[in-house]
Amino acid sequence: MISIQELLAGMRLGDSTGFQHLTLFPIFRLKPARPEPGYLLLEEAMERGLARVTEVSHGGSVPELHFENSAPLPVLLLDGEELVGAKQNRVLNLSILAPARSAIKIPVSCVEAGRWQNVSAQFRAADAVQYASAREARARQVSKSIREEGHRRSDQNQVWQDIALKAGRLRTTSGTGAMRAMFEQHRDSVEHYLRAFAWAPGQTGVLYCIGGRRWGIDLFDHAASFERVFPRLLRGYALDAIDTEPSTVRPVSSDRLGSFVRAVVKAPAFAVPAVGLGKDVRIAGAKACGGALWAEDRYVHLYAFSSQAEGSGQAGSGIARPSRRRG
């Protein structure tokens, strides 16, 4: 298994694009990837009737769900991917590559505190991934749970509290405290961000900055995978962007970009057997946290986040910058 630093050394950044409080840097591989990903994405598998997600039993269990893959290929489930329906809406606690033709339990967090009643027999995939600030907090909680208890659980009360506070700031009402309500009630604002950004041919990921303060990265092993999930990830980034107080916004600088990426590669990390295939690599630093799924001799998905108050630092991230590409 190669290191996160070695992974990022094989990437280059494209020129940034900004809209309101969100800035994106596209990420490209220096060397071409394999011709096909070799797996299906969850949304794709569900659309084709090859995967289903249900409660683990009639009584259900808040922190876990039952996943069935009837496809001849593995299925990739993403950190923060929201599943809507059944007894209450949930999000994935980490990225998972579920084996072909298998059934496994998957660790999740509830993002709808006020419902415990069946509305459907199966879940469906939502059109947005959990917003980035909540993914950051949950990643820290899951890493702590793995280390201290051997479980892949979040702090459920904190997850609910964060949703309630954000809903209050965004003046969103929901009878069941559903995270989904924020995306639905602010759909017009969120969709403005989707029209402002576009996937570029060959792009395998994105490094993003919200309000000049919150940094993150989502990087995939294949451009086809990222192209399909990009709109859902972008909606999550956008919800944080519209929740940004203008007075707190900083300029997006190369110093802070370099500081963030350096924090990711230098952060303490540990690996455990993954749910499904491969290894779950946990990034657990004070300035950066997240995770990465290593399976079938490659990193399938890397997701990392800065702390809420990322400081400045010297430029030089280990990813080839646009200026180097032009030279």
Protein backbone atom coordinates (compact mmCIF):
# COMPACT_ATOMS: atom_id res chain seq x y z
CA MET A 1 0.00 0.00 0.00
CA ILE A 2 1.41 3.40 -0.96
CA SER A 3 1.17 6.43 1.32
CA ILE A 4 -1.24 9.35 0.95
CA GLN A 5 1.78 11.49 0.10
CA GLU A 6 2.72 9.15 -2.76
CA LEU A 7 -0.87 9.20 -4.00
CA LEU A 8 -1.00 13.00 -4.11
CA ALA A 9 2.44 13.19 -5.73
CA GLY A 10 0.87 11.52 -8.76
CA MET A 11 -1.70 14.30 -9.18
CA ARG A 12 -1.76 17.83 -10.53
CA LEU A 13 -4.12 20.72 -9.83
CA GLY A 14 -5.94 22.57 -12.55
CA ASP A 15 -6.83 26.25 -12.50
CA SER A 16 -9.33 27.23 -9.82
CA THR A 17 -12.91 28.34 -10.35
CA GLY A 18 -14.81 30.39 -7.79
CA PHE A 19 -18.44 31.24 -7.17
CA GLN A 20 -19.56 33.24 -4.16
CA HIS A 21 -18.04 31.52 -1.11
CA LEU A 22 -16.82 28.35 -2.85
CA THR A 23 -13.57 27.76 -4.76
CA LEU A 24 -12.73 24.51 -6.54
CA PHE A 25 -9.40 23.23 -7.86
CA PRO A 26 -9.82 20.26 -10.24
CA ILE A 27 -7.43 17.34 -9.74
CA PHE A 28 -5.99 15.28 -12.58
CA ARG A 29 -3.77 12.21 -12.63
CA LEU A 30 -0.29 12.53 -14.08
CA LYS A 31 -0.59 8.98 -15.42
CA PRO A 32 -3.73 7.44 -16.94
CA ALA A 33 -5.86 5.17 -14.80
CA ARG A 34 -7.15 1.74 -15.77
CA PRO A 35 -9.69 1.74 -18.65
CA GLU A 36 -12.71 1.06 -16.39
CA PRO A 37 -13.30 1.52 -12.64
CA GLY A 38 -14.11 -2.17 -12.16
CA TYR A 39 -17.03 -1.43 -9.81
CA LEU A 40 -20.45 0.18 -9.80
CA LEU A 41 -21.40 3.23 -7.79
CA LEU A 42 -24.23 2.76 -5.31
CA GLU A 43 -26.62 5.09 -7.13
CA GLU A 44 -25.90 3.31 -10.42
CA ALA A 45 -26.35 -0.16 -8.93
CA MET A 46 -29.64 0.81 -7.27
CA GLU A 47 -30.97 2.34 -10.50
CA ARG A 48 -30.24 -0.93 -12.29
CA GLY A 49 -31.87 -3.03 -9.58
CA LEU A 50 -28.56 -4.66 -8.65
CA ALA A 51 -28.30 -3.34 -5.09
CA ARG A 52 -30.70 -2.72 -2.25
CA VAL A 53 -30.39 -1.15 1.18
CA THR A 54 -32.83 -1.98 3.98
CA GLU A 55 -33.08 -1.89 7.74
CA VAL A 56 -31.18 -4.76 9.36
CA SER A 57 -34.42 -6.20 10.78
CA HIS A 58 -38.07 -5.37 11.35
CA GLY A 59 -37.09 -3.50 14.52
CA GLY A 60 -34.17 -1.76 12.85
CA SER A 61 -30.89 -0.45 14.28
CA VAL A 62 -29.92 3.23 14.07
CA PRO A 63 -26.15 2.79 13.46
CA GLU A 64 -26.27 0.06 10.81
CA LEU A 65 -28.14 -1.03 7.68
CA HIS A 66 -28.31 -4.15 5.52
CA PHE A 67 -26.76 -3.91 2.06
CA GLU A 68 -27.22 -6.51 -0.69
CA ASN A 69 -25.16 -6.51 -3.87
CA SER A 70 -26.43 -8.85 -6.57
CA ALA A 71 -24.15 -7.38 -9.24
CA PRO A 72 -21.18 -9.29 -10.72
CA LEU A 73 -18.98 -6.32 -9.73
CA PRO A 74 -18.22 -4.68 -6.39
CA VAL A 75 -20.30 -1.62 -5.46
CA LEU A 76 -18.75 1.59 -4.09
CA LEU A 77 -20.65 3.36 -1.29
CA LEU A 78 -19.35 6.83 -0.40
CA ASP A 79 -18.60 8.54 2.87
CA GLY A 80 -21.48 10.94 3.55
CA GLU A 81 -23.77 9.43 0.92
CA GLU A 82 -27.35 9.89 2.10
CA LEU A 83 -29.89 7.08 2.04
CA VAL A 84 -33.51 8.20 2.22
CA GLY A 85 -36.53 6.18 3.39
CA ALA A 86 -37.26 3.16 5.60
CA LYS A 87 -37.46 4.13 9.30
CA GLN A 88 -35.23 7.25 9.10
CA ASN A 89 -32.72 8.82 6.71
CA ARG A 90 -29.06 7.86 7.21
CA VAL A 91 -25.60 8.74 5.84
CA LEU A 92 -22.64 6.39 5.31
CA ASN A 93 -19.97 6.67 8.00
CA LEU A 94 -17.13 5.87 5.57
CA SER A 95 -16.49 4.69 2.02
CA ILE A 96 -17.02 0.98 1.37
CA LEU A 97 -16.33 -1.31 -1.58
CA ALA A 98 -18.91 -4.06 -1.15
CA PRO A 99 -17.94 -7.40 -2.73
CA ALA A 100 -19.82 -8.73 -5.74
CA ARG A 101 -22.84 -10.91 -5.00
CA SER A 102 -22.69 -10.40 -1.25
CA ALA A 103 -24.66 -9.05 1.71
CA ILE A 104 -23.02 -6.97 4.45
CA LYS A 105 -23.94 -4.62 7.27
CA ILE A 106 -22.90 -1.02 6.69
CA PRO A 107 -22.21 1.60 9.42
CA VAL A 108 -24.34 4.73 9.19
CA SER A 109 -25.49 7.80 11.11
CA CYS A 110 -29.05 9.07 11.38
CA VAL A 111 -29.75 12.47 9.83
CA GLU A 112 -33.45 12.61 10.71
CA ALA A 113 -33.85 12.70 14.48
CA GLY A 114 -37.64 12.91 14.68
CA ARG A 115 -38.73 9.85 12.71
CA TRP A 116 -38.66 6.13 13.48
CA GLN A 117 -41.40 4.86 11.24
CA ASN A 118 -41.27 2.99 7.96
CA VAL A 119 -42.11 5.01 4.86
CA SER A 120 -40.65 2.47 2.41
CA ALA A 121 -39.28 -1.04 2.40
CA GLN A 122 -35.98 0.05 0.86
CA PHE A 123 -33.80 3.14 0.87
CA ARG A 124 -33.03 5.25 -2.17
CA ALA A 125 -29.91 7.31 -2.84
CA ALA A 126 -30.35 11.06 -2.32
CA ASP A 127 -29.12 13.62 -4.83
CA ALA A 128 -26.69 15.21 -2.34
CA VAL A 129 -23.88 14.02 -0.11
CA GLN A 130 -23.80 15.26 3.49
CA TYR A 131 -22.39 18.78 3.79
CA ALA A 132 -18.63 18.98 4.29
CA SER A 133 -18.51 20.42 7.81
CA ALA A 134 -20.62 17.53 9.11
CA ARG A 135 -18.49 15.02 7.21
CA GLU A 136 -15.42 16.46 8.94
CA ALA A 137 -16.91 16.16 12.42
CA ARG A 138 -18.21 12.66 11.75
CA ALA A 139 -14.83 11.52 10.35
CA ARG A 140 -13.16 12.53 13.61
CA GLN A 141 -15.83 10.74 15.64
CA VAL A 142 -15.57 7.53 13.58
CA SER A 143 -11.77 7.43 13.84
CA LYS A 144 -12.06 7.86 17.62
CA SER A 145 -14.65 5.08 17.79
CA ILE A 146 -12.45 2.70 15.80
CA ARG A 147 -9.47 3.35 18.04
CA GLU A 148 -11.25 3.22 21.37
CA GLU A 149 -14.08 0.73 20.80
CA GLY A 150 -13.41 -1.10 17.55
CA HIS A 151 -16.66 0.25 16.08
CA ARG A 152 -17.27 2.58 13.15
CA ARG A 153 -19.77 4.82 14.87
CA SER A 154 -20.32 8.55 15.05
CA ASP A 155 -21.45 10.54 18.06
CA GLN A 156 -25.13 10.41 17.10
CA ASN A 157 -26.22 13.17 19.46
CA GLN A 158 -23.59 15.51 18.01
CA VAL A 159 -24.74 14.66 14.48
CA TRP A 160 -28.31 15.61 15.37
CA GLN A 161 -27.21 18.75 17.21
CA ASP A 162 -25.15 19.92 14.24
CA ILE A 163 -28.12 19.47 11.89
CA ALA A 164 -30.38 21.41 14.27
CA LEU A 165 -27.93 24.30 14.56
CA LYS A 166 -27.39 24.51 10.82
CA ALA A 167 -31.12 24.33 10.15
CA GLY A 168 -31.58 27.23 12.56
CA ARG A 169 -28.97 29.35 10.80
CA LEU A 170 -30.54 28.55 7.43
CA ARG A 171 -34.07 29.10 8.75
CA THR A 172 -35.11 25.64 7.67
CA THR A 173 -38.09 23.87 9.17
CA SER A 174 -38.58 20.11 9.31
CA GLY A 175 -41.11 18.20 11.37
CA THR A 176 -38.63 15.33 11.73
CA GLY A 177 -35.36 17.27 11.95
CA ALA A 178 -34.28 15.94 8.55
CA MET A 179 -31.03 17.12 7.00
CA ARG A 180 -32.73 16.59 3.63
CA ALA A 181 -35.04 19.53 4.37
CA MET A 182 -32.13 21.97 4.14
CA PHE A 183 -31.24 20.78 0.64
CA GLU A 184 -34.87 20.86 -0.43
CA GLN A 185 -35.75 24.28 1.01
CA HIS A 186 -32.55 25.87 -0.34
CA ARG A 187 -32.57 24.02 -3.64
CA ASP A 188 -32.51 27.18 -5.79
CA SER A 189 -29.43 28.56 -4.00
CA VAL A 190 -27.67 25.20 -4.10
CA GLU A 191 -28.39 24.71 -7.81
CA HIS A 192 -26.75 28.06 -8.58
CA TYR A 193 -23.48 26.44 -7.52
CA LEU A 194 -24.03 23.48 -9.83
CA ARG A 195 -24.42 25.83 -12.77
CA ALA A 196 -21.22 27.68 -11.81
CA PHE A 197 -18.92 24.63 -11.89
CA ALA A 198 -18.35 21.86 -14.41
CA TRP A 199 -16.52 18.55 -14.53
CA ALA A 200 -13.47 18.64 -16.83
CA PRO A 201 -12.52 15.65 -19.02
CA GLY A 202 -10.08 13.46 -17.14
CA GLN A 203 -10.82 15.08 -13.77
CA THR A 204 -10.60 12.51 -10.95
CA GLY A 205 -11.24 14.74 -7.94
CA VAL A 206 -11.48 18.18 -6.45
CA LEU A 207 -9.77 20.22 -3.79
CA TYR A 208 -12.26 22.74 -2.44
CA CYS A 209 -12.26 25.77 -0.17
CA ILE A 210 -15.34 27.21 1.53
CA GLY A 211 -15.14 30.83 2.65
CA GLY A 212 -11.36 30.81 2.39
CA ARG A 213 -11.23 28.90 5.69
CA ARG A 214 -12.56 25.35 5.33
CA TRP A 215 -10.57 23.10 3.01
CA GLY A 216 -11.31 19.62 1.76
CA ILE A 217 -10.53 17.05 -0.87
CA ASP A 218 -12.45 14.25 -2.59
CA LEU A 219 -10.27 12.15 -4.87
CA PHE A 220 -11.24 9.02 -6.80
CA ASP A 221 -9.35 6.35 -8.68
CA HIS A 222 -11.17 6.98 -11.95
CA ALA A 223 -12.51 10.02 -13.81
CA ALA A 224 -15.74 8.22 -14.70
CA SER A 225 -16.52 7.71 -11.02
CA PHE A 226 -15.86 11.32 -10.11
CA GLU A 227 -17.87 12.64 -13.06
CA ARG A 228 -20.94 10.78 -11.83
CA VAL A 229 -20.66 11.72 -8.14
CA PHE A 230 -19.49 15.32 -8.64
CA PRO A 231 -22.98 16.93 -8.65
CA ARG A 232 -23.91 15.20 -5.39
CA LEU A 233 -20.63 16.19 -3.72
CA LEU A 234 -21.00 19.74 -5.00
CA ARG A 235 -24.43 20.11 -3.43
CA GLY A 236 -22.87 19.21 -0.08
CA TYR A 237 -20.12 21.81 -0.49
CA ALA A 238 -22.71 24.36 -1.60
CA LEU A 239 -24.85 23.95 1.53
CA ASP A 240 -21.84 24.93 3.64
CA ALA A 241 -21.05 27.82 1.28
CA ILE A 242 -24.51 29.37 1.65
CA ASP A 243 -24.15 28.94 5.43
CA THR A 244 -20.98 31.08 5.43
CA GLU A 245 -21.09 34.45 7.17
CA PRO A 246 -19.62 37.02 4.71
CA SER A 247 -17.70 38.78 7.49
CA THR A 248 -15.68 35.59 8.13
CA VAL A 249 -14.59 35.01 4.53
CA ARG A 250 -10.85 35.05 3.79
CA PRO A 251 -9.07 35.28 0.43
CA VAL A 252 -8.19 31.88 -1.02
CA SER A 253 -4.39 31.76 -0.97
CA SER A 254 -1.76 29.32 -2.18
CA ASP A 255 -0.21 29.43 1.31
CA ARG A 256 -3.37 28.05 2.90
CA LEU A 257 -3.80 25.51 0.12
CA GLY A 258 -0.28 24.26 0.71
CA SER A 259 -0.82 24.22 4.46
CA PHE A 260 -3.93 22.08 4.10
CA VAL A 261 -2.42 19.47 1.79
CA ARG A 262 0.70 19.29 3.91
CA ALA A 263 -1.49 18.74 6.98
CA VAL A 264 -3.22 15.84 5.20
CA VAL A 265 0.01 14.05 4.24
CA LYS A 266 1.65 14.63 7.63
CA ALA A 267 -1.36 13.75 9.78
CA PRO A 268 -1.14 10.63 11.97
CA ALA A 269 -2.85 7.76 10.16
CA PHE A 270 -3.74 4.17 10.83
CA ALA A 271 -5.33 1.38 8.82
CA VAL A 272 -7.84 -1.31 9.75
CA PRO A 273 -9.58 -3.99 7.69
CA ALA A 274 -12.35 -2.31 5.74
CA VAL A 275 -16.03 -3.11 5.80
CA GLY A 276 -16.13 -5.08 2.56
CA LEU A 277 -12.97 -5.12 0.47
CA GLY A 278 -9.58 -3.64 1.28
CA LYS A 279 -8.34 -1.42 4.08
CA ASP A 280 -9.90 1.60 5.76
CA VAL A 281 -7.16 4.21 6.21
CA ARG A 282 -8.00 6.80 8.87
CA ILE A 283 -6.46 10.28 8.78
CA ALA A 284 -6.53 11.53 12.35
CA GLY A 285 -4.54 14.74 12.79
CA ALA A 286 -5.28 17.94 14.70
CA LYS A 287 -5.26 20.02 11.49
CA ALA A 288 -6.66 17.46 9.06
CA CYS A 289 -8.86 14.38 9.30
CA GLY A 290 -10.71 12.01 7.04
CA GLY A 291 -10.25 8.62 5.51
CA ALA A 292 -9.28 6.67 2.44
CA LEU A 293 -10.35 3.33 1.04
CA TRP A 294 -7.49 1.16 -0.25
CA ALA A 295 -8.76 -1.78 -2.28
CA GLU A 296 -7.55 -3.80 -5.25
CA ASP A 297 -4.09 -2.18 -5.16
CA ARG A 298 -5.21 1.44 -5.29
CA TYR A 299 -6.92 4.20 -3.35
CA VAL A 300 -10.51 4.08 -4.54
CA HIS A 301 -11.62 7.19 -2.59
CA LEU A 302 -9.71 9.70 -0.49
CA TYR A 303 -11.69 12.23 1.54
CA ALA A 304 -10.04 14.70 3.90
CA PHE A 305 -10.97 17.90 5.70
CA SER A 306 -9.19 20.74 7.42
CA SER A 307 -9.98 21.86 10.94
CA GLN A 308 -12.45 24.74 11.03
CA ALA A 309 -9.72 27.34 11.51
CA GLU A 310 -6.95 26.33 9.14
CA GLY A 311 -3.90 28.54 9.53
CA SER A 312 -1.61 29.79 6.81
CA GLY A 313 1.66 28.18 5.85
CA GLN A 314 4.32 28.08 3.19
CA ALA A 315 3.32 27.09 -0.32
CA GLY A 316 4.28 23.68 -1.64
CA SER A 317 1.72 20.93 -1.26
CA GLY A 318 3.18 17.95 -3.09
CA ILE A 319 0.51 18.21 -5.83
CA ALA A 320 1.76 19.75 -9.08
CA ARG A 321 0.33 23.27 -9.30
CA PRO A 322 -1.18 24.86 -12.43
CA SER A 323 1.86 27.14 -12.87
CA ARG A 324 4.13 24.11 -13.11
CA ARG A 325 1.79 22.52 -15.63
CA ARG A 326 1.86 25.62 -17.84
CA GLY A 327 5.66 25.79 -17.65
